[in-house]
């Protein structure tokens, strides 16, 4: 998947998780950094699901 698409999916997932938690604020710098962490995790753990990657990155 292209890096821009990976970042977009990771930021969407972050928004979803934060929205479910009632946090509607968007910190674009933090979101970008978190997207990069999730992308790196997924590259290193190709069999992981996106949900498990988010869980592992944000323990």
N, C-alpha and C. Protein backbone atom coordinates (compact mmCIF):
# COMPACT_ATOMS: atom_id res chain seq x y z
N UNK A 1 0.85 -1.17 0.00
CA UNK A 1 0.00 0.00 0.00
C UNK A 1 0.90 1.24 0.00
N UNK A 2 0.49 2.24 -0.70
CA UNK A 2 1.28 3.48 -0.78
C UNK A 2 1.36 4.16 0.59
N UNK A 3 2.50 4.78 0.90
CA UNK A 3 2.66 5.43 2.22
C UNK A 3 1.55 6.44 2.55
N UNK A 4 1.11 7.21 1.58
CA UNK A 4 0.05 8.19 1.85
C UNK A 4 -1.26 7.49 2.23
N UNK A 5 -1.54 6.39 1.59
CA UNK A 5 -2.76 5.64 1.90
C UNK A 5 -2.64 5.01 3.30
N UNK A 6 -1.47 4.50 3.64
CA UNK A 6 -1.25 3.93 4.97
C UNK A 6 -1.51 4.99 6.03
N UNK A 7 -0.94 6.16 5.84
CA UNK A 7 -1.12 7.25 6.81
C UNK A 7 -2.59 7.64 6.91
N UNK A 8 -3.28 7.68 5.78
CA UNK A 8 -4.70 8.04 5.79
C UNK A 8 -5.54 7.04 6.57
N UNK A 9 -5.29 5.77 6.35
CA UNK A 9 -6.03 4.72 7.06
C UNK A 9 -5.72 4.78 8.55
N UNK A 10 -4.46 4.97 8.89
CA UNK A 10 -4.07 5.04 10.30
C UNK A 10 -4.70 6.26 10.98
N UNK A 11 -4.75 7.38 10.30
CA UNK A 11 -5.37 8.57 10.90
C UNK A 11 -6.88 8.37 11.03
N UNK A 12 -7.50 7.71 10.06
CA UNK A 12 -8.93 7.43 10.18
C UNK A 12 -9.18 6.54 11.39
N UNK A 13 -8.36 5.51 11.56
CA UNK A 13 -8.51 4.59 12.69
C UNK A 13 -8.34 5.34 14.01
N UNK A 14 -7.37 6.22 14.06
CA UNK A 14 -7.15 7.02 15.26
C UNK A 14 -8.38 7.88 15.56
N UNK A 15 -8.93 8.50 14.53
CA UNK A 15 -10.13 9.31 14.71
C UNK A 15 -11.31 8.49 15.20
N UNK A 16 -11.44 7.29 14.67
CA UNK A 16 -12.52 6.40 15.09
C UNK A 16 -12.38 6.05 16.57
N UNK A 17 -11.17 5.64 16.97
CA UNK A 17 -10.94 5.25 18.36
C UNK A 17 -11.18 6.43 19.29
N UNK A 18 -10.65 7.60 18.93
CA UNK A 18 -10.85 8.77 19.79
C UNK A 18 -12.31 9.20 19.82
N UNK A 19 -13.00 9.10 18.71
CA UNK A 19 -14.42 9.43 18.68
C UNK A 19 -15.24 8.53 19.58
N UNK A 20 -14.94 7.23 19.56
CA UNK A 20 -15.64 6.28 20.43
C UNK A 20 -15.39 6.60 21.90
N UNK A 21 -14.22 7.17 22.19
CA UNK A 21 -13.87 7.53 23.58
C UNK A 21 -14.42 8.90 23.96
N UNK A 22 -15.08 9.59 23.01
CA UNK A 22 -15.66 10.89 23.30
C UNK A 22 -14.70 12.05 23.14
N UNK A 23 -13.53 11.81 22.60
CA UNK A 23 -12.54 12.86 22.39
C UNK A 23 -12.65 13.33 20.94
N UNK A 24 -13.23 14.50 20.72
CA UNK A 24 -13.45 14.98 19.36
C UNK A 24 -12.40 15.97 18.90
N UNK A 25 -11.39 16.21 19.70
CA UNK A 25 -10.31 17.13 19.31
C UNK A 25 -9.33 16.41 18.39
N UNK A 26 -8.78 17.15 17.43
CA UNK A 26 -7.81 16.59 16.51
C UNK A 26 -6.49 17.32 16.68
N UNK A 27 -5.46 16.59 17.03
CA UNK A 27 -4.10 17.11 17.11
C UNK A 27 -3.38 16.58 15.89
N UNK A 28 -3.26 17.41 14.84
CA UNK A 28 -2.73 16.91 13.57
C UNK A 28 -1.30 16.43 13.66
N UNK A 29 -0.48 17.09 14.46
CA UNK A 29 0.91 16.64 14.59
C UNK A 29 0.97 15.28 15.28
N UNK A 30 0.20 15.13 16.34
CA UNK A 30 0.19 13.86 17.07
C UNK A 30 -0.43 12.76 16.20
N UNK A 31 -1.48 13.10 15.46
CA UNK A 31 -2.12 12.11 14.59
C UNK A 31 -1.14 11.60 13.54
N UNK A 32 -0.37 12.50 12.96
CA UNK A 32 0.61 12.10 11.95
C UNK A 32 1.68 11.19 12.56
N UNK A 33 2.18 11.57 13.73
CA UNK A 33 3.20 10.76 14.41
C UNK A 33 2.63 9.38 14.75
N UNK A 34 1.38 9.33 15.22
CA UNK A 34 0.76 8.05 15.55
C UNK A 34 0.55 7.20 14.30
N UNK A 35 0.18 7.84 13.19
CA UNK A 35 0.01 7.11 11.94
C UNK A 35 1.32 6.47 11.50
N UNK A 36 2.40 7.18 11.68
CA UNK A 36 3.71 6.62 11.32
C UNK A 36 4.06 5.44 12.21
N UNK A 37 3.73 5.52 13.51
CA UNK A 37 3.98 4.40 14.43
C UNK A 37 3.18 3.17 14.01
N UNK A 38 1.92 3.39 13.67
CA UNK A 38 1.07 2.26 13.26
C UNK A 38 1.59 1.66 11.96
N UNK A 39 1.98 2.50 11.01
CA UNK A 39 2.51 2.00 9.74
C UNK A 39 3.77 1.18 9.97
N UNK A 40 4.66 1.66 10.83
CA UNK A 40 5.90 0.93 11.12
C UNK A 40 5.59 -0.41 11.77
N UNK A 41 4.63 -0.43 12.68
CA UNK A 41 4.24 -1.68 13.32
C UNK A 41 3.71 -2.66 12.29
N UNK A 42 2.84 -2.18 11.42
CA UNK A 42 2.25 -3.05 10.40
C UNK A 42 3.32 -3.60 9.44
N UNK A 43 4.31 -2.79 9.11
CA UNK A 43 5.39 -3.26 8.23
C UNK A 43 6.19 -4.36 8.90
N UNK A 44 6.38 -4.25 10.22
CA UNK A 44 7.16 -5.24 10.96
C UNK A 44 6.34 -6.47 11.33
N UNK A 45 5.02 -6.34 11.32
CA UNK A 45 4.12 -7.42 11.73
C UNK A 45 3.05 -7.60 10.66
N UNK A 46 3.44 -8.13 9.53
CA UNK A 46 2.55 -8.21 8.36
C UNK A 46 1.28 -9.01 8.61
N UNK A 47 1.28 -9.92 9.56
CA UNK A 47 0.10 -10.74 9.83
C UNK A 47 -0.85 -10.09 10.83
N UNK A 48 -0.46 -8.95 11.40
CA UNK A 48 -1.30 -8.28 12.40
C UNK A 48 -2.48 -7.59 11.72
N UNK A 49 -3.59 -7.50 12.45
CA UNK A 49 -4.73 -6.73 11.95
C UNK A 49 -4.50 -5.27 12.32
N UNK A 50 -5.25 -4.40 11.68
CA UNK A 50 -5.12 -2.97 12.01
C UNK A 50 -5.51 -2.72 13.45
N UNK A 51 -6.57 -3.37 13.92
CA UNK A 51 -7.01 -3.20 15.30
C UNK A 51 -5.94 -3.66 16.28
N UNK A 52 -5.28 -4.77 16.00
CA UNK A 52 -4.24 -5.25 16.91
C UNK A 52 -3.02 -4.33 16.86
N UNK A 53 -2.74 -3.74 15.71
CA UNK A 53 -1.63 -2.80 15.60
C UNK A 53 -1.90 -1.56 16.44
N UNK A 54 -3.12 -1.04 16.35
CA UNK A 54 -3.49 0.12 17.17
C UNK A 54 -3.37 -0.23 18.64
N UNK A 55 -3.86 -1.39 19.02
CA UNK A 55 -3.77 -1.82 20.41
C UNK A 55 -2.34 -1.95 20.89
N UNK A 56 -1.47 -2.48 20.05
CA UNK A 56 -0.06 -2.66 20.42
C UNK A 56 0.67 -1.34 20.52
N UNK A 57 0.38 -0.43 19.61
CA UNK A 57 1.07 0.86 19.59
C UNK A 57 0.64 1.76 20.74
N UNK A 58 -0.64 1.66 21.14
CA UNK A 58 -1.18 2.57 22.16
C UNK A 58 -1.45 1.91 23.50
N UNK A 59 -0.69 0.89 23.86
CA UNK A 59 -0.84 0.25 25.18
C UNK A 59 -0.51 1.23 26.26
